[in-house]
Amino acid sequence: MNHLPSALIKAKEAALQASKSVVEAGLEAEVDKQLGREKGERRRVRGQPHQSEWKCGYCGCQDANHFTRDGHYQRNLETCWGHMHALRIPMVECQQCGHNVICDFTLIEKFQRWKNSPAS
């Protein structure tokens, strides 16, 4: 019987890690969608403009052809499953002016620190 609590703790940790991976993959997929290209794919600066819902916080550009991935920052998120530590949030940079693009993710809000369920 004393193995049950340990097994439950390990199961909860495994579920939390799997949830973290799903959230991070969802954030990366949203960046792919907003940029109109997958990670590693070259941007098309001279092609047709690709309007993004996101915009540069400095120059106001919304042409995703001028946006590039700029690494990640880490933050924590409390969920009903437990604490997600060091969640990797993608960053995007405007190549027109060199400033950060305001990424309004649908999965996680900018200053959100608590997530009730995957649907909320």
PDB file of N, CA and C in Angstrom:
ATOM      1  N   MET A   1       0.809  -1.203   0.000  1.00  0.00           N
ATOM      2  CA  MET A   1       0.000   0.000   0.000  1.00  0.00           C
ATOM      3  C   MET A   1       0.855   1.271   0.000  1.00  0.00           C
ATOM      4  N   ASN A   2       2.044   1.267   0.601  1.00  0.00           N
ATOM      5  CA  ASN A   2       2.850   2.480   0.635  1.00  0.00           C
ATOM      6  C   ASN A   2       3.464   2.806  -0.721  1.00  0.00           C
ATOM      7  N   HIS A   3       3.308   1.935  -1.728  1.00  0.00           N
ATOM      8  CA  HIS A   3       3.765   2.248  -3.081  1.00  0.00           C
ATOM      9  C   HIS A   3       2.728   3.062  -3.836  1.00  0.00           C
ATOM     10  N   LEU A   4       1.489   3.035  -3.391  1.00  0.00           N
ATOM     11  CA  LEU A   4       0.417   3.759  -4.082  1.00  0.00           C
ATOM     12  C   LEU A   4       0.644   5.268  -4.091  1.00  0.00           C
ATOM     13  N   PRO A   5       0.932   5.909  -2.955  1.00  0.00           N
ATOM     14  CA  PRO A   5       1.166   7.355  -3.021  1.00  0.00           C
ATOM     15  C   PRO A   5       2.347   7.717  -3.924  1.00  0.00           C
ATOM     16  N   SER A   6       3.407   6.955  -3.867  1.00  0.00           N
ATOM     17  CA  SER A   6       4.566   7.217  -4.719  1.00  0.00           C
ATOM     18  C   SER A   6       4.190   7.048  -6.194  1.00  0.00           C
ATOM     19  N   ALA A   7       3.418   6.026  -6.488  1.00  0.00           N
ATOM     20  CA  ALA A   7       2.981   5.787  -7.863  1.00  0.00           C
ATOM     21  C   ALA A   7       2.066   6.907  -8.338  1.00  0.00           C
ATOM     22  N   LEU A   8       1.193   7.387  -7.460  1.00  0.00           N
ATOM     23  CA  LEU A   8       0.304   8.497  -7.830  1.00  0.00           C
ATOM     24  C   LEU A   8       1.093   9.774  -8.076  1.00  0.00           C
ATOM     25  N   ILE A   9       2.085  10.017  -7.263  1.00  0.00           N
ATOM     26  CA  ILE A   9       2.922  11.212  -7.441  1.00  0.00           C
ATOM     27  C   ILE A   9       3.661  11.138  -8.772  1.00  0.00           C
ATOM     28  N   LYS A  10       4.205   9.969  -9.079  1.00  0.00           N
ATOM     29  CA  LYS A  10       4.916   9.804 -10.351  1.00  0.00           C
ATOM     30  C   LYS A  10       3.968   9.948 -11.534  1.00  0.00           C
ATOM     31  N   ALA A  11       2.757   9.426 -11.404  1.00  0.00           N
ATOM     32  CA  ALA A  11       1.766   9.544 -12.485  1.00  0.00           C
ATOM     33  C   ALA A  11       1.373  11.003 -12.692  1.00  0.00           C
ATOM     34  N   LYS A  12       1.193  11.737 -11.587  1.00  0.00           N
ATOM     35  CA  LYS A  12       0.831  13.161 -11.680  1.00  0.00           C
ATOM     36  C   LYS A  12       1.961  13.955 -12.346  1.00  0.00           C
ATOM     37  N   GLU A  13       3.207  13.661 -11.962  1.00  0.00           N
ATOM     38  CA  GLU A  13       4.350  14.346 -12.563  1.00  0.00           C
ATOM     39  C   GLU A  13       4.464  14.035 -14.060  1.00  0.00           C
ATOM     40  N   ALA A  14       4.213  12.790 -14.412  1.00  0.00           N
ATOM     41  CA  ALA A  14       4.264  12.400 -15.831  1.00  0.00           C
ATOM     42  C   ALA A  14       3.156  13.090 -16.618  1.00  0.00           C
ATOM     43  N   ALA A  15       1.964  13.170 -16.037  1.00  0.00           N
ATOM     44  CA  ALA A  15       0.842  13.845 -16.705  1.00  0.00           C
ATOM     45  C   ALA A  15       1.127  15.336 -16.857  1.00  0.00           C
ATOM     46  N   LEU A  16       1.718  15.929 -15.840  1.00  0.00           N
ATOM     47  CA  LEU A  16       2.052  17.354 -15.896  1.00  0.00           C
ATOM     48  C   LEU A  16       3.114  17.621 -16.956  1.00  0.00           C
ATOM     49  N   GLN A  17       4.123  16.755 -17.050  1.00  0.00           N
ATOM     50  CA  GLN A  17       5.164  16.921 -18.064  1.00  0.00           C
ATOM     51  C   GLN A  17       4.587  16.751 -19.462  1.00  0.00           C
ATOM     52  N   ALA A  18       3.677  15.789 -19.624  1.00  0.00           N
ATOM     53  CA  ALA A  18       3.029  15.594 -20.927  1.00  0.00           C
ATOM     54  C   ALA A  18       2.187  16.813 -21.289  1.00  0.00           C
ATOM     55  N   SER A  19       1.487  17.367 -20.309  1.00  0.00           N
ATOM     56  CA  SER A  19       0.671  18.567 -20.540  1.00  0.00           C
ATOM     57  C   SER A  19       1.549  19.748 -20.934  1.00  0.00           C
ATOM     58  N   LYS A  20       2.694  19.881 -20.281  1.00  0.00           N
ATOM     59  CA  LYS A  20       3.636  20.958 -20.606  1.00  0.00           C
ATOM     60  C   LYS A  20       4.107  20.830 -22.043  1.00  0.00           C
ATOM     61  N   SER A  21       4.431  19.603 -22.462  1.00  0.00           N
ATOM     62  CA  SER A  21       4.868  19.372 -23.846  1.00  0.00           C
ATOM     63  C   SER A  21       3.781  19.723 -24.843  1.00  0.00           C
ATOM     64  N   VAL A  22       2.533  19.397 -24.505  1.00  0.00           N
ATOM     65  CA  VAL A  22       1.402  19.712 -25.388  1.00  0.00           C
ATOM     66  C   VAL A  22       1.211  21.227 -25.496  1.00  0.00           C
ATOM     67  N   VAL A  23       1.302  21.942 -24.375  1.00  0.00           N
ATOM     68  CA  VAL A  23       1.152  23.409 -24.380  1.00  0.00           C
ATOM     69  C   VAL A  23       2.267  24.042 -25.203  1.00  0.00           C
ATOM     70  N   GLU A  24       3.511  23.612 -24.999  1.00  0.00           N
ATOM     71  CA  GLU A  24       4.639  24.175 -25.753  1.00  0.00           C
ATOM     72  C   GLU A  24       4.496  23.894 -27.249  1.00  0.00           C
ATOM     73  N   ALA A  25       4.058  22.694 -27.590  1.00  0.00           N
ATOM     74  CA  ALA A  25       3.849  22.363 -29.012  1.00  0.00           C
ATOM     75  C   ALA A  25       2.725  23.219 -29.597  1.00  0.00           C
ATOM     76  N   GLY A  26       1.690  23.461 -28.812  1.00  0.00           N
ATOM     77  CA  GLY A  26       0.592  24.318 -29.269  1.00  0.00           C
ATOM     78  C   GLY A  26       1.047  25.748 -29.507  1.00  0.00           C
ATOM     79  N   LEU A  27       1.903  26.267 -28.637  1.00  0.00           N
ATOM     80  CA  LEU A  27       2.441  27.621 -28.814  1.00  0.00           C
ATOM     81  C   LEU A  27       3.301  27.700 -30.075  1.00  0.00           C
ATOM     82  N   GLU A  28       4.128  26.687 -30.309  1.00  0.00           N
ATOM     83  CA  GLU A  28       4.959  26.658 -31.518  1.00  0.00           C
ATOM     84  C   GLU A  28       4.087  26.574 -32.773  1.00  0.00           C
ATOM     85  N   ALA A  29       3.012  25.788 -32.710  1.00  0.00           N
ATOM     86  CA  ALA A  29       2.104  25.676 -33.862  1.00  0.00           C
ATOM     87  C   ALA A  29       1.418  27.012 -34.134  1.00  0.00           C
ATOM     88  N   GLU A  30       1.115  27.753 -33.073  1.00  0.00           N
ATOM     89  CA  GLU A  30       0.498  29.066 -33.268  1.00  0.00           C
ATOM     90  C   GLU A  30       1.470  30.045 -33.916  1.00  0.00           C
ATOM     91  N   VAL A  31       2.749  29.967 -33.557  1.00  0.00           N
ATOM     92  CA  VAL A  31       3.763  30.806 -34.205  1.00  0.00           C
ATOM     93  C   VAL A  31       3.850  30.429 -35.682  1.00  0.00           C
ATOM     94  N   ASP A  32       3.865  29.118 -35.986  1.00  0.00           N
ATOM     95  CA  ASP A  32       3.882  28.669 -37.388  1.00  0.00           C
ATOM     96  C   ASP A  32       2.719  29.280 -38.164  1.00  0.00           C
ATOM     97  N   LYS A  33       1.541  29.243 -37.575  1.00  0.00           N
ATOM     98  CA  LYS A  33       0.333  29.760 -38.234  1.00  0.00           C
ATOM     99  C   LYS A  33       0.441  31.270 -38.464  1.00  0.00           C
ATOM    100  N   GLN A  34       0.859  32.006 -37.452  1.00  0.00           N
ATOM    101  CA  GLN A  34       0.943  33.460 -37.566  1.00  0.00           C
ATOM    102  C   GLN A  34       2.024  33.903 -38.552  1.00  0.00           C
ATOM    103  N   LEU A  35       3.123  33.154 -38.605  1.00  0.00           N
ATOM    104  CA  LEU A  35       4.204  33.508 -39.532  1.00  0.00           C
ATOM    105  C   LEU A  35       3.942  32.983 -40.937  1.00  0.00           C
ATOM    106  N   GLY A  36       3.062  32.002 -41.058  1.00  0.00           N
ATOM    107  CA  GLY A  36       2.772  31.428 -42.361  1.00  0.00           C
ATOM    108  C   GLY A  36       3.867  30.505 -42.862  1.00  0.00           C
ATOM    109  N   ARG A  37       4.691  30.027 -41.944  1.00  0.00           N
ATOM    110  CA  ARG A  37       5.776  29.117 -42.304  1.00  0.00           C
ATOM    111  C   ARG A  37       6.208  28.344 -41.055  1.00  0.00           C
ATOM    112  N   GLU A  38       6.806  27.189 -41.303  1.00  0.00           N
ATOM    113  CA  GLU A  38       7.290  26.365 -40.205  1.00  0.00           C
ATOM    114  C   GLU A  38       8.672  26.815 -39.760  1.00  0.00           C
ATOM    115  N   LYS A  39       9.069  26.358 -38.594  1.00  0.00           N
ATOM    116  CA  LYS A  39      10.395  26.681 -38.072  1.00  0.00           C
ATOM    117  C   LYS A  39      11.457  26.189 -39.049  1.00  0.00           C
ATOM    118  N   GLY A  40      12.414  27.026 -39.362  1.00  0.00           N
ATOM    119  CA  GLY A  40      13.486  26.674 -40.289  1.00  0.00           C
ATOM    120  C   GLY A  40      13.195  27.046 -41.730  1.00  0.00           C
ATOM    121  N   GLU A  41      11.944  27.316 -42.045  1.00  0.00           N
ATOM    122  CA  GLU A  41      11.587  27.706 -43.405  1.00  0.00           C
ATOM    123  C   GLU A  41      11.936  29.186 -43.598  1.00  0.00           C
ATOM    124  N   ARG A  42      12.480  29.508 -44.746  1.00  0.00           N
ATOM    125  CA  ARG A  42      12.900  30.891 -45.017  1.00  0.00           C
ATOM    126  C   ARG A  42      11.689  31.809 -45.178  1.00  0.00           C
ATOM    127  N   ARG A  43      11.859  33.034 -44.740  1.00  0.00           N
ATOM    128  CA  ARG A  43      10.780  34.020 -44.930  1.00  0.00           C
ATOM    129  C   ARG A  43      10.840  34.576 -46.347  1.00  0.00           C
ATOM    130  N   ARG A  44       9.706  35.022 -46.846  1.00  0.00           N
ATOM    131  CA  ARG A  44       9.592  35.531 -48.217  1.00  0.00           C
ATOM    132  C   ARG A  44       9.413  37.052 -48.175  1.00  0.00           C
ATOM    133  N   VAL A  45      10.507  37.773 -48.044  1.00  0.00           N
ATOM    134  CA  VAL A  45      10.457  39.229 -47.892  1.00  0.00           C
ATOM    135  C   VAL A  45       9.956  39.908 -49.163  1.00  0.00           C
ATOM    136  N   ARG A  46      10.325  39.401 -50.322  1.00  0.00           N
ATOM    137  CA  ARG A  46       9.961  40.059 -51.582  1.00  0.00           C
ATOM    138  C   ARG A  46       8.627  39.556 -52.141  1.00  0.00           C
ATOM    139  N   GLY A  47       8.049  38.576 -51.519  1.00  0.00           N
ATOM    140  CA  GLY A  47       6.785  38.015 -52.006  1.00  0.00           C
ATOM    141  C   GLY A  47       5.587  38.834 -51.560  1.00  0.00           C
ATOM    142  N   GLN A  48       4.422  38.229 -51.692  1.00  0.00           N
ATOM    143  CA  GLN A  48       3.185  38.873 -51.259  1.00  0.00           C
ATOM    144  C   GLN A  48       3.209  39.047 -49.744  1.00  0.00           C
ATOM    145  N   PRO A  49       2.698  40.171 -49.240  1.00  0.00           N
ATOM    146  CA  PRO A  49       2.628  40.343 -47.789  1.00  0.00           C
ATOM    147  C   PRO A  49       1.747  39.259 -47.163  1.00  0.00           C
ATOM    148  N   HIS A  50       2.147  38.807 -45.996  1.00  0.00           N
ATOM    149  CA  HIS A  50       1.357  37.827 -45.249  1.00  0.00           C
ATOM    150  C   HIS A  50       0.894  38.505 -43.959  1.00  0.00           C
ATOM    151  N   GLN A  51      -0.333  38.992 -43.955  1.00  0.00           N
ATOM    152  CA  GLN A  51      -0.865  39.699 -42.792  1.00  0.00           C
ATOM    153  C   GLN A  51      -0.992  38.758 -41.608  1.00  0.00           C
ATOM    154  N   SER A  52      -0.496  39.202 -40.483  1.00  0.00           N
ATOM    155  CA  SER A  52      -0.572  38.451 -39.235  1.00  0.00           C
ATOM    156  C   SER A  52      -1.522  39.173 -38.288  1.00  0.00           C
ATOM    157  N   GLU A  53      -2.122  38.439 -37.387  1.00  0.00           N
ATOM    158  CA  GLU A  53      -2.937  39.062 -36.339  1.00  0.00           C
ATOM    159  C   GLU A  53      -2.027  39.750 -35.324  1.00  0.00           C
ATOM    160  N   TRP A  54      -0.773  39.331 -35.271  1.00  0.00           N
ATOM    161  CA  TRP A  54       0.195  39.923 -34.361  1.00  0.00           C
ATOM    162  C   TRP A  54       0.827  41.142 -35.025  1.00  0.00           C
ATOM    163  N   LYS A  55       1.327  42.057 -34.191  1.00  0.00           N
ATOM    164  CA  LYS A  55       1.995  43.229 -34.764  1.00  0.00           C
ATOM    165  C   LYS A  55       3.192  43.631 -33.926  1.00  0.00           C
ATOM    166  N   CYS A  56       4.101  44.329 -34.578  1.00  0.00           N
ATOM    167  CA  CYS A  56       5.294  44.835 -33.907  1.00  0.00           C
ATOM    168  C   CYS A  56       4.870  45.894 -32.897  1.00  0.00           C
ATOM    169  N   GLY A  57       5.420  45.804 -31.704  1.00  0.00           N
ATOM    170  CA  GLY A  57       5.088  46.762 -30.665  1.00  0.00           C
ATOM    171  C   GLY A  57       5.721  48.121 -30.875  1.00  0.00           C
ATOM    172  N   TYR A  58       6.656  48.226 -31.811  1.00  0.00           N
ATOM    173  CA  TYR A  58       7.348  49.495 -32.044  1.00  0.00           C
ATOM    174  C   TYR A  58       6.880  50.173 -33.327  1.00  0.00           C
ATOM    175  N   CYS A  59       6.994  49.480 -34.464  1.00  0.00           N
ATOM    176  CA  CYS A  59       6.665  50.123 -35.743  1.00  0.00           C
ATOM    177  C   CYS A  59       5.251  49.789 -36.239  1.00  0.00           C
ATOM    178  N   GLY A  60       4.590  48.821 -35.597  1.00  0.00           N
ATOM    179  CA  GLY A  60       3.221  48.487 -35.971  1.00  0.00           C
ATOM    180  C   GLY A  60       3.097  47.556 -37.169  1.00  0.00           C
ATOM    181  N   CYS A  61       4.207  47.068 -37.697  1.00  0.00           N
ATOM    182  CA  CYS A  61       4.189  46.163 -38.855  1.00  0.00           C
ATOM    183  C   CYS A  61       3.388  44.903 -38.521  1.00  0.00           C
ATOM    184  N   GLN A  62       2.566  44.459 -39.492  1.00  0.00           N
ATOM    185  CA  GLN A  62       1.813  43.217 -39.334  1.00  0.00           C
ATOM    186  C   GLN A  62       2.117  42.225 -40.458  1.00  0.00           C
ATOM    187  N   ASP A  63       3.128  42.514 -41.260  1.00  0.00           N
ATOM    188  CA  ASP A  63       3.527  41.613 -42.338  1.00  0.00           C
ATOM    189  C   ASP A  63       4.444  40.538 -41.755  1.00  0.00           C
ATOM    190  N   ALA A  64       3.922  39.317 -41.679  1.00  0.00           N
ATOM    191  CA  ALA A  64       4.674  38.214 -41.080  1.00  0.00           C
ATOM    192  C   ALA A  64       5.952  37.897 -41.842  1.00  0.00           C
ATOM    193  N   ASN A  65       6.065  38.354 -43.076  1.00  0.00           N
ATOM    194  CA  ASN A  65       7.301  38.149 -43.829  1.00  0.00           C
ATOM    195  C   ASN A  65       8.466  38.921 -43.217  1.00  0.00           C
ATOM    196  N   HIS A  66       8.171  39.896 -42.386  1.00  0.00           N
ATOM    197  CA  HIS A  66       9.216  40.673 -41.712  1.00  0.00           C
ATOM    198  C   HIS A  66       9.456  40.188 -40.287  1.00  0.00           C
ATOM    199  N   PHE A  67       8.780  39.096 -39.887  1.00  0.00           N
ATOM    200  CA  PHE A  67       8.917  38.563 -38.535  1.00  0.00           C
ATOM    201  C   PHE A  67       9.793  37.312 -38.542  1.00  0.00           C
ATOM    202  N   THR A  68      10.631  37.180 -37.522  1.00  0.00           N
ATOM    203  CA  THR A  68      11.438  35.969 -37.349  1.00  0.00           C
ATOM    204  C   THR A  68      11.316  35.489 -35.907  1.00  0.00           C
ATOM    205  N   ARG A  69      11.563  34.209 -35.743  1.00  0.00           N
ATOM    206  CA  ARG A  69      11.585  33.646 -34.388  1.00  0.00           C
ATOM    207  C   ARG A  69      12.803  34.202 -33.670  1.00  0.00           C
ATOM    208  N   ASP A  70      12.644  34.443 -32.375  1.00  0.00           N
ATOM    209  CA  ASP A  70      13.722  35.050 -31.605  1.00  0.00           C
ATOM    210  C   ASP A  70      13.917  34.326 -30.272  1.00  0.00           C
ATOM    211  N   GLY A  71      13.929  33.009 -30.327  1.00  0.00           N
ATOM    212  CA  GLY A  71      14.160  32.224 -29.111  1.00  0.00           C
ATOM    213  C   GLY A  71      12.909  32.078 -28.251  1.00  0.00           C
ATOM    214  N   HIS A  72      13.132  31.867 -26.977  1.00  0.00           N
ATOM    215  CA  HIS A  72      12.048  31.649 -26.028  1.00  0.00           C
ATOM    216  C   HIS A  72      12.364  32.363 -24.728  1.00  0.00           C
ATOM    217  N   TYR A  73      11.334  32.643 -23.966  1.00  0.00           N
ATOM    218  CA  TYR A  73      11.531  33.033 -22.574  1.00  0.00           C
ATOM    219  C   TYR A  73      10.784  32.019 -21.731  1.00  0.00           C
ATOM    220  N   GLN A  74      11.156  31.935 -20.477  1.00  0.00           N
ATOM    221  CA  GLN A  74      10.534  30.948 -19.604  1.00  0.00           C
ATOM    222  C   GLN A  74       9.613  31.624 -18.607  1.00  0.00           C
ATOM    223  N   ARG A  75       8.521  30.944 -18.315  1.00  0.00           N
ATOM    224  CA  ARG A  75       7.611  31.408 -17.280  1.00  0.00           C
ATOM    225  C   ARG A  75       6.930  30.224 -16.648  1.00  0.00           C
ATOM    226  N   ASN A  76       6.320  30.453 -15.527  1.00  0.00           N
ATOM    227  CA  ASN A  76       5.630  29.398 -14.799  1.00  0.00           C
ATOM    228  C   ASN A  76       4.131  29.551 -14.988  1.00  0.00           C
ATOM    229  N   LEU A  77       3.429  28.438 -14.867  1.00  0.00           N
ATOM    230  CA  LEU A  77       1.981  28.445 -15.025  1.00  0.00           C
ATOM    231  C   LEU A  77       1.377  27.456 -14.037  1.00  0.00           C
ATOM    232  N   GLU A  78       0.425  27.926 -13.257  1.00  0.00           N
ATOM    233  CA  GLU A  78      -0.310  27.050 -12.345  1.00  0.00           C
ATOM    234  C   GLU A  78      -1.501  26.480 -13.084  1.00  0.00           C
ATOM    235  N   THR A  79      -1.689  25.185 -12.990  1.00  0.00           N
ATOM    236  CA  THR A  79      -2.827  24.527 -13.625  1.00  0.00           C
ATOM    237  C   THR A  79      -3.561  23.701 -12.580  1.00  0.00           C
ATOM    238  N   CYS A  80      -4.703  23.179 -12.963  1.00  0.00           N
ATOM    239  CA  CYS A  80      -5.428  22.305 -12.038  1.00  0.00           C
ATOM    240  C   CYS A  80      -4.669  20.995 -11.829  1.00  0.00           C
ATOM    241  N   TRP A  81      -3.669  20.698 -12.692  1.00  0.00           N
ATOM    242  CA  TRP A  81      -2.860  19.488 -12.553  1.00  0.00           C
ATOM    243  C   TRP A  81      -1.629  19.730 -11.693  1.00  0.00           C
ATOM    244  N   GLY A  82      -1.261  20.980 -11.518  1.00  0.00           N
ATOM    245  CA  GLY A  82      -0.072  21.309 -10.734  1.00  0.00           C
ATOM    246  C   GLY A  82       0.698  22.460 -11.370  1.00  0.00           C
ATOM    247  N   HIS A  83       1.915  22.651 -10.923  1.00  0.00           N
ATOM    248  CA  HIS A  83       2.764  23.773 -11.333  1.00  0.00           C
ATOM    249  C   HIS A  83       3.610  23.387 -12.545  1.00  0.00           C
ATOM    250  N   MET A  84       3.454  24.138 -13.648  1.00  0.00           N
ATOM    251  CA  MET A  84       4.320  23.944 -14.824  1.00  0.00           C
ATOM    252  C   MET A  84       5.481  24.916 -14.671  1.00  0.00           C
ATOM    253  N   HIS A  85       6.653  24.366 -14.451  1.00  0.00           N
ATOM    254  CA  HIS A  85       7.845  25.183 -14.234  1.00  0.00           C
ATOM    255  C   HIS A  85       8.610  25.334 -15.546  1.00  0.00           C
ATOM    256  N   ALA A  86       9.091  26.534 -15.808  1.00  0.00           N
ATOM    257  CA  ALA A  86       9.954  26.831 -16.966  1.00  0.00           C
ATOM    258  C   ALA A  86       9.278  26.481 -18.296  1.00  0.00           C
ATOM    259  N   LEU A  87       8.034  26.889 -18.448  1.00  0.00           N
ATOM    260  CA  LEU A  87       7.318  26.735 -19.711  1.00  0.00           C
ATOM    261  C   LEU A  87       7.990  27.634 -20.748  1.00  0.00           C
ATOM    262  N   ARG A  88       8.333  27.083 -21.908  1.00  0.00           N
ATOM    263  CA  ARG A  88       9.051  27.835 -22.947  1.00  0.00           C
ATOM    264  C   ARG A  88       8.046  28.560 -23.838  1.00  0.00           C
ATOM    265  N   ILE A  89       8.066  29.896 -23.778  1.00  0.00           N
ATOM    266  CA  ILE A  89       7.163  30.729 -24.568  1.00  0.00           C
ATOM    267  C   ILE A  89       7.950  31.306 -25.752  1.00  0.00           C
ATOM    268  N   PRO A  90       7.510  31.059 -26.990  1.00  0.00           N
ATOM    269  CA  PRO A  90       8.241  31.574 -28.158  1.00  0.00           C
ATOM    270  C   PRO A  90       8.212  33.111 -28.220  1.00  0.00           C
ATOM    271  N   MET A  91       9.304  33.678 -28.734  1.00  0.00           N
ATOM    272  CA  MET A  91       9.382  35.117 -28.968  1.00  0.00           C
ATOM    273  C   MET A  91       9.562  35.345 -30.469  1.00  0.00           C
ATOM    274  N   VAL A  92       9.042  36.466 -30.943  1.00  0.00           N
ATOM    275  CA  VAL A  92       9.126  36.817 -32.364  1.00  0.00           C
ATOM    276  C   VAL A  92       9.661  38.242 -32.464  1.00  0.00           C
ATOM    277  N   GLU A  93      10.549  38.478 -33.444  1.00  0.00           N
ATOM    278  CA  GLU A  93      11.157  39.797 -33.630  1.00  0.00           C
ATOM    279  C   GLU A  93      10.800  40.349 -35.002  1.00  0.00           C
ATOM    280  N   CYS A  94      10.563  41.650 -35.054  1.00  0.00           N
ATOM    281  CA  CYS A  94      10.313  42.348 -36.315  1.00  0.00           C
ATOM    282  C   CYS A  94      11.669  42.700 -36.934  1.00  0.00           C
ATOM    283  N   GLN A  95      11.909  42.236 -38.158  1.00  0.00           N
ATOM    284  CA  GLN A  95      13.174  42.511 -38.842  1.00  0.00           C
ATOM    285  C   GLN A  95      13.182  43.891 -39.488  1.00  0.00           C
ATOM    286  N   GLN A  96      12.031  44.525 -39.528  1.00  0.00           N
ATOM    287  CA  GLN A  96      11.945  45.866 -40.091  1.00  0.00           C
ATOM    288  C   GLN A  96      12.551  46.892 -39.138  1.00  0.00           C
ATOM    289  N   CYS A  97      12.334  46.705 -37.811  1.00  0.00           N
ATOM    290  CA  CYS A  97      12.852  47.678 -36.843  1.00  0.00           C
ATOM    291  C   CYS A  97      13.683  47.038 -35.729  1.00  0.00           C
ATOM    292  N   GLY A  98      13.648  45.695 -35.624  1.00  0.00           N
ATOM    293  CA  GLY A  98      14.449  45.013 -34.617  1.00  0.00           C
ATOM    294  C   GLY A  98      13.810  44.904 -33.248  1.00  0.00           C
ATOM    295  N   HIS A  99      12.547  45.254 -33.132  1.00  0.00           N
ATOM    296  CA  HIS A  99      11.863  45.183 -31.839  1.00  0.00           C
ATOM    297  C   HIS A  99      10.965  43.942 -31.757  1.00  0.00           C
ATOM    298  N   ASN A 100      10.438  43.706 -30.560  1.00  0.00           N
ATOM    299  CA  ASN A 100       9.613  42.528 -30.333  1.00  0.00           C
ATOM    300  C   ASN A 100       8.225  42.669 -30.936  1.00  0.00           C
ATOM    301  N   VAL A 101       7.717  41.550 -31.423  1.00  0.00           N
ATOM    302  CA  VAL A 101       6.354  41.468 -31.925  1.00  0.00           C
ATOM    303  C   VAL A 101       5.455  41.101 -30.748  1.00  0.00           C
ATOM    304  N   ILE A 102       4.308  41.747 -30.665  1.00  0.00           N
ATOM    305  CA  ILE A 102       3.352  41.445 -29.606  1.00  0.00           C
ATOM    306  C   ILE A 102       2.612  40.171 -30.006  1.00  0.00           C
ATOM    307  N   CYS A 103       2.894  39.092 -29.288  1.00  0.00           N
ATOM    308  CA  CYS A 103       2.306  37.785 -29.598  1.00  0.00           C
ATOM    309  C   CYS A 103       1.121  37.533 -28.670  1.00  0.00           C
ATOM    310  N   ASP A 104      -0.072  37.702 -29.199  1.00  0.00           N
ATOM    311  CA  ASP A 104      -1.276  37.427 -28.423  1.00  0.00           C
ATOM    312  C   ASP A 104      -1.680  35.982 -28.668  1.00  0.00           C
ATOM    313  N   PHE A 105      -1.095  35.073 -27.894  1.00  0.00           N
ATOM    314  CA  PHE A 105      -1.394  33.653 -28.057  1.00  0.00           C
ATOM    315  C   PHE A 105      -2.831  33.370 -27.641  1.00  0.00           C
ATOM    316  N   THR A 106      -3.483  32.470 -28.360  1.00  0.00           N
ATOM    317  CA  THR A 106      -4.837  32.074 -27.977  1.00  0.00           C
ATOM    318  C   THR A 106      -4.795  31.042 -26.861  1.00  0.00           C
ATOM    319  N   LEU A 107      -3.701  30.310 -26.753  1.00  0.00           N
ATOM    320  CA  LEU A 107      -3.583  29.256 -25.755  1.00  0.00           C
ATOM    321  C   LEU A 107      -3.321  29.806 -24.351  1.00  0.00           C
ATOM    322  N   ILE A 108      -2.478  30.825 -24.267  1.00  0.00           N
ATOM    323  CA  ILE A 108      -2.125  31.431 -22.979  1.00  0.00           C
ATOM    324  C   ILE A 108      -2.104  32.944 -23.165  1.00  0.00           C
ATOM    325  N   GLU A 109      -2.756  33.645 -22.259  1.00  0.00           N
ATOM    326  CA  GLU A 109      -2.750  35.107 -22.320  1.00  0.00           C
ATOM    327  C   GLU A 109      -1.433  35.641 -21.775  1.00  0.00           C
ATOM    328  N   LYS A 110      -1.097  36.861 -22.162  1.00  0.00           N
ATOM    329  CA  LYS A 110       0.200  37.470 -21.860  1.00  0.00           C
ATOM    330  C   LYS A 110       0.600  37.374 -20.382  1.00  0.00           C
ATOM    331  N   PHE A 111      -0.257  37.773 -19.481  1.00  0.00           N
ATOM    332  CA  PHE A 111       0.116  37.789 -18.067  1.00  0.00           C
ATOM    333  C   PHE A 111      -0.597  36.710 -17.257  1.00  0.00           C
ATOM    334  N   GLN A 112      -1.158  35.740 -17.940  1.00  0.00           N
ATOM    335  CA  GLN A 112      -1.885  34.672 -17.262  1.00  0.00           C
ATOM    336  C   GLN A 112      -0.915  33.775 -16.502  1.00  0.00           C
ATOM    337  N   ARG A 113      -1.251  33.503 -15.271  1.00  0.00           N
ATOM    338  CA  ARG A 113      -0.424  32.627 -14.443  1.00  0.00           C
ATOM    339  C   ARG A 113      -1.200  31.421 -13.928  1.00  0.00           C
ATOM    340  N   TRP A 114      -2.484  31.327 -14.249  1.00  0.00           N
ATOM    341  CA  TRP A 114      -3.315  30.230 -13.792  1.00  0.00           C
ATOM    342  C   TRP A 114      -4.130  29.725 -14.964  1.00  0.00           C
ATOM    343  N   LYS A 115      -4.201  28.437 -15.152  1.00  0.00           N
ATOM    344  CA  LYS A 115      -4.965  27.822 -16.234  1.00  0.00           C
ATOM    345  C   LYS A 115      -5.841  26.745 -15.613  1.00  0.00           C
ATOM    346  N   ASN A 116      -7.186  26.924 -15.664  1.00  0.00           N
ATOM    347  CA  ASN A 116      -8.101  25.956 -15.053  1.00  0.00           C
ATOM    348  C   ASN A 116      -8.138  24.645 -15.807  1.00  0.00           C
ATOM    349  N   SER A 117      -8.339  24.739 -17.117  1.00  0.00           N
ATOM    350  CA  SER A 117      -8.464  23.531 -17.922  1.00  0.00           C
ATOM    351  C   SER A 117      -7.982  23.839 -19.323  1.00  0.00           C
ATOM    352  N   PRO A 118      -7.796  22.821 -20.143  1.00  0.00           N
ATOM    353  CA  PRO A 118      -7.337  23.074 -21.512  1.00  0.00           C
ATOM    354  C   PRO A 118      -8.291  23.960 -22.301  1.00  0.00           C
ATOM    355  N   ALA A 119      -9.576  23.967 -21.970  1.00  0.00           N
ATOM    356  CA  ALA A 119     -10.554  24.742 -22.728  1.00  0.00           C
ATOM    357  C   ALA A 119     -10.643  26.188 -22.270  1.00  0.00           C
ATOM    358  N   SER A 120     -10.154  26.504 -21.065  1.00  0.00           N
ATOM    359  CA  SER A 120     -10.328  27.878 -20.570  1.00  0.00           C
ATOM    360  C   SER A 120      -9.158  28.766 -20.856  1.00  0.00           C
TER     361      SER A 120
END
